[in-house]
Amino acid sequence: MKNVMFVCQHNSRRSQMAEGFARTLGNGKITVTSSGLGVSKVDPIAIEVMSEVGIDISHQTSKPLDNFNPENYDAVISLCGCGVNLPEPWVLREIFEDWQIDNPERQPIETFRNVRDQIKERVLQLIASLS
């Protein structure tokens, strides 16, 4: 089973949604963690839009990338274009992708929903490619 790390700037929206989708849709196929270059808290609007599609991320927490060891992960996915800021060992994993999905912070809930749906499609593609 492949270990996947989703990472973005604050680990509060996009990477949290990706973790929720991957944990649910990839159950039994991949293991997943998310983290950020900095930490914050999980955005309540991200929690809300994920609950609209039946996925509860309210128990997830924002975690710093420094808490993890890159050698423990097969795939590293940046969601915000922050790949250029990641320490080299993270970028050199077996799979590295930089999805560059727009940050919905301070945007209307519709923007959060659009971002959520983009992330779901990308996560489904990732799970298919890893299983």
C-alpha atoms as a PDB file:
ATOM      1  CA  MET A   1       0.000   0.000   0.000  1.00  0.00           C
ATOM      2  CA  LYS A   2       1.367   3.424  -0.995  1.00  0.00           C
ATOM      3  CA  ASN A   3       1.794   6.195   1.570  1.00  0.00           C
ATOM      4  CA  VAL A   4       0.680   9.626   0.352  1.00  0.00           C
ATOM      5  CA  MET A   5       1.442  13.070   1.812  1.00  0.00           C
ATOM      6  CA  PHE A   6      -0.708  16.034   0.772  1.00  0.00           C
ATOM      7  CA  VAL A   7       0.962  19.337   1.544  1.00  0.00           C
ATOM      8  CA  CYS A   8       0.100  22.997   1.138  1.00  0.00           C
ATOM      9  CA  GLN A   9       0.883  26.304   2.772  1.00  0.00           C
ATOM     10  CA  HIS A  10      -1.200  26.172   5.959  1.00  0.00           C
ATOM     11  CA  ASN A  11      -2.784  22.688   5.967  1.00  0.00           C
ATOM     12  CA  SER A  12      -6.186  24.248   6.581  1.00  0.00           C
ATOM     13  CA  ARG A  13      -8.237  23.860   3.375  1.00  0.00           C
ATOM     14  CA  ARG A  14      -7.002  22.135   0.201  1.00  0.00           C
ATOM     15  CA  SER A  15      -4.706  19.549   1.771  1.00  0.00           C
ATOM     16  CA  GLN A  16      -7.335  18.797   4.423  1.00  0.00           C
ATOM     17  CA  MET A  17      -9.983  18.200   1.729  1.00  0.00           C
ATOM     18  CA  ALA A  18      -7.536  15.999  -0.201  1.00  0.00           C
ATOM     19  CA  GLU A  19      -6.790  14.004   2.942  1.00  0.00           C
ATOM     20  CA  GLY A  20     -10.512  13.519   3.575  1.00  0.00           C
ATOM     21  CA  PHE A  21     -11.200  12.350   0.021  1.00  0.00           C
ATOM     22  CA  ALA A  22      -8.147  10.076  -0.105  1.00  0.00           C
ATOM     23  CA  ARG A  23      -8.890   8.526   3.285  1.00  0.00           C
ATOM     24  CA  THR A  24     -12.482   7.784   2.235  1.00  0.00           C
ATOM     25  CA  LEU A  25     -12.125   6.965  -1.478  1.00  0.00           C
ATOM     26  CA  GLY A  26      -8.730   5.266  -1.125  1.00  0.00           C
ATOM     27  CA  ASN A  27      -9.592   3.227   1.960  1.00  0.00           C
ATOM     28  CA  GLY A  28      -7.698  -0.055   1.728  1.00  0.00           C
ATOM     29  CA  LYS A  29      -5.707   1.169  -1.298  1.00  0.00           C
ATOM     30  CA  ILE A  30      -3.498   3.959   0.101  1.00  0.00           C
ATOM     31  CA  THR A  31      -2.613   5.514   3.436  1.00  0.00           C
ATOM     32  CA  VAL A  32      -2.715   9.280   3.670  1.00  0.00           C
ATOM     33  CA  THR A  33      -1.511  12.223   5.729  1.00  0.00           C
ATOM     34  CA  SER A  34      -1.637  15.968   5.169  1.00  0.00           C
ATOM     35  CA  SER A  35       0.599  18.736   6.437  1.00  0.00           C
ATOM     36  CA  GLY A  36       1.594  22.324   5.810  1.00  0.00           C
ATOM     37  CA  LEU A  37       4.689  24.463   5.510  1.00  0.00           C
ATOM     38  CA  GLY A  38       3.083  26.438   8.308  1.00  0.00           C
ATOM     39  CA  VAL A  39       0.154  25.421  10.464  1.00  0.00           C
ATOM     40  CA  SER A  40      -3.202  26.944  11.133  1.00  0.00           C
ATOM     41  CA  LYS A  41      -6.520  25.283  11.901  1.00  0.00           C
ATOM     42  CA  VAL A  42      -8.900  23.405   9.650  1.00  0.00           C
ATOM     43  CA  ASP A  43     -11.140  25.996   8.009  1.00  0.00           C
ATOM     44  CA  PRO A  44     -14.789  25.592   9.133  1.00  0.00           C
ATOM     45  CA  ILE A  45     -15.965  26.221   5.560  1.00  0.00           C
ATOM     46  CA  ALA A  46     -13.765  23.356   4.322  1.00  0.00           C
ATOM     47  CA  ILE A  47     -15.369  21.142   6.971  1.00  0.00           C
ATOM     48  CA  GLU A  48     -18.822  22.300   5.846  1.00  0.00           C
ATOM     49  CA  VAL A  49     -18.336  21.681   2.108  1.00  0.00           C
ATOM     50  CA  MET A  50     -16.835  18.256   2.767  1.00  0.00           C
ATOM     51  CA  SER A  51     -19.785  17.321   4.968  1.00  0.00           C
ATOM     52  CA  GLU A  52     -22.047  18.224   2.027  1.00  0.00           C
ATOM     53  CA  VAL A  53     -20.537  15.232   0.165  1.00  0.00           C
ATOM     54  CA  GLY A  54     -20.663  12.949   3.201  1.00  0.00           C
ATOM     55  CA  ILE A  55     -17.038  13.241   4.361  1.00  0.00           C
ATOM     56  CA  ASP A  56     -16.288  14.349   7.919  1.00  0.00           C
ATOM     57  CA  ILE A  57     -12.948  16.131   8.279  1.00  0.00           C
ATOM     58  CA  SER A  58     -13.863  17.852  11.557  1.00  0.00           C
ATOM     59  CA  HIS A  59     -11.507  15.540  13.478  1.00  0.00           C
ATOM     60  CA  GLN A  60      -8.496  16.369  11.271  1.00  0.00           C
ATOM     61  CA  THR A  61      -5.865  18.796  12.539  1.00  0.00           C
ATOM     62  CA  SER A  62      -3.321  21.083  10.916  1.00  0.00           C
ATOM     63  CA  LYS A  63       0.150  19.541  11.148  1.00  0.00           C
ATOM     64  CA  PRO A  64       3.605  20.931  10.233  1.00  0.00           C
ATOM     65  CA  LEU A  65       5.542  19.126   7.493  1.00  0.00           C
ATOM     66  CA  ASP A  66       8.561  19.133   9.831  1.00  0.00           C
ATOM     67  CA  ASN A  67       6.777  16.519  11.968  1.00  0.00           C
ATOM     68  CA  PHE A  68       7.168  13.921   9.196  1.00  0.00           C
ATOM     69  CA  ASN A  69       9.989  12.022   7.484  1.00  0.00           C
ATOM     70  CA  PRO A  70       9.967  12.101   3.651  1.00  0.00           C
ATOM     71  CA  GLU A  71      11.351   8.540   3.479  1.00  0.00           C
ATOM     72  CA  ASN A  72       8.030   7.314   4.897  1.00  0.00           C
ATOM     73  CA  TYR A  73       6.084   8.486   1.820  1.00  0.00           C
ATOM     74  CA  ASP A  74       5.888   7.145  -1.733  1.00  0.00           C
ATOM     75  CA  ALA A  75       3.900  10.060  -3.137  1.00  0.00           C
ATOM     76  CA  VAL A  76       3.976  13.746  -2.235  1.00  0.00           C
ATOM     77  CA  ILE A  77       1.263  16.005  -3.623  1.00  0.00           C
ATOM     78  CA  SER A  78       1.484  19.774  -3.302  1.00  0.00           C
ATOM     79  CA  LEU A  79      -1.883  21.433  -3.724  1.00  0.00           C
ATOM     80  CA  CYS A  80      -0.831  25.069  -3.839  1.00  0.00           C
ATOM     81  CA  GLY A  81       2.218  25.384  -6.021  1.00  0.00           C
ATOM     82  CA  CYS A  82       4.370  25.293  -2.884  1.00  0.00           C
ATOM     83  CA  GLY A  83       6.481  22.489  -4.314  1.00  0.00           C
ATOM     84  CA  VAL A  84       9.231  24.999  -5.023  1.00  0.00           C
ATOM     85  CA  ASN A  85       9.378  25.710  -1.269  1.00  0.00           C
ATOM     86  CA  LEU A  86       9.525  22.090  -0.136  1.00  0.00           C
ATOM     87  CA  PRO A  87      12.791  20.666   1.154  1.00  0.00           C
ATOM     88  CA  GLU A  88      14.444  18.608  -1.588  1.00  0.00           C
ATOM     89  CA  PRO A  89      13.907  15.161   0.022  1.00  0.00           C
ATOM     90  CA  TRP A  90      10.122  15.689  -0.301  1.00  0.00           C
ATOM     91  CA  VAL A  91      10.300  16.571  -3.993  1.00  0.00           C
ATOM     92  CA  LEU A  92      12.486  13.535  -4.749  1.00  0.00           C
ATOM     93  CA  ARG A  93       9.969  10.917  -3.638  1.00  0.00           C
ATOM     94  CA  GLU A  94       8.857   8.196  -6.083  1.00  0.00           C
ATOM     95  CA  ILE A  95       5.917  10.400  -7.113  1.00  0.00           C
ATOM     96  CA  PHE A  96       5.804  14.168  -6.766  1.00  0.00           C
ATOM     97  CA  GLU A  97       2.978  16.272  -8.196  1.00  0.00           C
ATOM     98  CA  ASP A  98       2.210  19.972  -7.804  1.00  0.00           C
ATOM     99  CA  TRP A  99      -1.516  20.425  -8.502  1.00  0.00           C
ATOM    100  CA  GLN A 100      -1.609  24.233  -8.088  1.00  0.00           C
ATOM    101  CA  ILE A 101      -5.236  24.460  -6.995  1.00  0.00           C
ATOM    102  CA  ASP A 102      -6.471  27.960  -6.108  1.00  0.00           C
ATOM    103  CA  ASN A 103      -6.768  28.854  -2.430  1.00  0.00           C
ATOM    104  CA  PRO A 104     -10.444  29.420  -1.507  1.00  0.00           C
ATOM    105  CA  GLU A 105      -9.512  31.433   1.601  1.00  0.00           C
ATOM    106  CA  ARG A 106     -11.828  34.452   2.100  1.00  0.00           C
ATOM    107  CA  GLN A 107     -13.835  33.425  -0.980  1.00  0.00           C
ATOM    108  CA  PRO A 108     -17.564  32.614  -1.237  1.00  0.00           C
ATOM    109  CA  ILE A 109     -18.646  29.081  -0.336  1.00  0.00           C
ATOM    110  CA  GLU A 110     -19.172  28.360  -4.062  1.00  0.00           C
ATOM    111  CA  THR A 111     -15.419  28.760  -4.554  1.00  0.00           C
ATOM    112  CA  PHE A 112     -14.816  26.223  -1.766  1.00  0.00           C
ATOM    113  CA  ARG A 113     -17.210  23.829  -3.520  1.00  0.00           C
ATOM    114  CA  ASN A 114     -15.420  24.253  -6.858  1.00  0.00           C
ATOM    115  CA  VAL A 115     -12.049  23.640  -5.198  1.00  0.00           C
ATOM    116  CA  ARG A 116     -13.498  20.598  -3.379  1.00  0.00           C
ATOM    117  CA  ASP A 117     -14.750  19.134  -6.661  1.00  0.00           C
ATOM    118  CA  GLN A 118     -11.394  19.728  -8.405  1.00  0.00           C
ATOM    119  CA  ILE A 119      -9.592  18.027  -5.538  1.00  0.00           C
ATOM    120  CA  LYS A 120     -11.966  15.037  -5.621  1.00  0.00           C
ATOM    121  CA  GLU A 121     -11.269  14.452  -9.331  1.00  0.00           C
ATOM    122  CA  ARG A 122      -7.501  14.709  -8.829  1.00  0.00           C
ATOM    123  CA  VAL A 123      -7.602  12.383  -5.805  1.00  0.00           C
ATOM    124  CA  LEU A 124      -9.611   9.800  -7.770  1.00  0.00           C
ATOM    125  CA  GLN A 125      -7.000   9.930 -10.563  1.00  0.00           C
ATOM    126  CA  LEU A 126      -4.187   9.597  -8.025  1.00  0.00           C
ATOM    127  CA  ILE A 127      -5.778   6.579  -6.306  1.00  0.00           C
ATOM    128  CA  ALA A 128      -6.299   4.896  -9.689  1.00  0.00           C
ATOM    129  CA  SER A 129      -2.667   5.466 -10.638  1.00  0.00           C
ATOM    130  CA  LEU A 130      -1.362   4.117  -7.308  1.00  0.00           C
ATOM    131  CA  SER A 131      -3.542   1.000  -6.997  1.00  0.00           C
END
